[in-house]
């Protein structure tokens, strides 16, 4: 019942330091009692480890072969339970709570906020809402650009903070032994590189009249798309880590959001295809009026089907806000 941590660098057996070991399980309470062999040299390494101060208790569970425990996993079901407080083995102690990994939870909450809420809205604005509100400006910029810029800038800041927190929690770069969790830090680094490159590209972007502008647009789109495409499965993988302690059903809540987001994107894509010809004709007519009467001021025509697009945008923002808030609460309190 009582063993040292399964660490490949050290002998995991506590014998002969521990003698007269007893254990019982009754009414949901696990009791463990043992004696320390005082006949050993006081400088014995294992005896010093026990007497060296209070330690966290680990309750591991999993598969064993011929009495030898196998390596545990990192999921919610497999991660060993750790006591919330340190336990002094030289005294009687009652431990009744499990350790919570606050930095890991904060990392998960921030990533949900960054990628489910801000990134998804920012990408919708730049992909489908450029023609909207053509005659409205704020700080000399169109509404879609301000929304896109603020969403992506906020996403960038939150993501950087979340990555710093998880590096502090893990003590540096840490890699899981098995897939898909093994891919989590690797994908995280790729996403980080993409979101660092994109703002740099935005700072050096050429003017709209430049021949190089289409090249910039393609690279800006490519890095943004790669980061967003990887971020969603990355969140699903992260929810499987035991330190976050997310209940299994929370994954299905996120699946519902993904399906909803896909439906919104497909609807906007179909809508854009159906209205493309009419919007093109309106714009050609407007440009012709400008050429024929250069001294007059003509407002740029509003796009066809703008009410549906506005409804879908507000619906997406509202639904995504609810899902984001719900997931953050679940991660924080679980």
Foldseek 3Di string as FASTA:
>chain_A
DDWADPDPVDDTHLPPQWAPWDWDADPNDIDIDIDGDPVDDCVPPSNCVLQVDFAKDWAFDDDADPPHDDDFAFFQVGGTWIFCDTDRNVDDDDTDDTHAQQLLLLLLLLLLCLQLALLLLLVCLVPQPPLAPQPDDDPNHDPSVVSNVVSLVSSLVSNVVSVVSVCVSVVHDDAGDDPPRRCLSVLSVLLNVLSVVLVVLVVPADDPPDPCNVVSVVSNVVSSVSNNVSSLVSSVSSNRGSNLVFDPCLSVLSVVLVVVSVVLVVVSVVVCVVQVVVLVVQQVVVVVVCVVCVPDDDGRDGGPPVVVVVVSSVVNNVVSVVSSVVSSVRSNPD
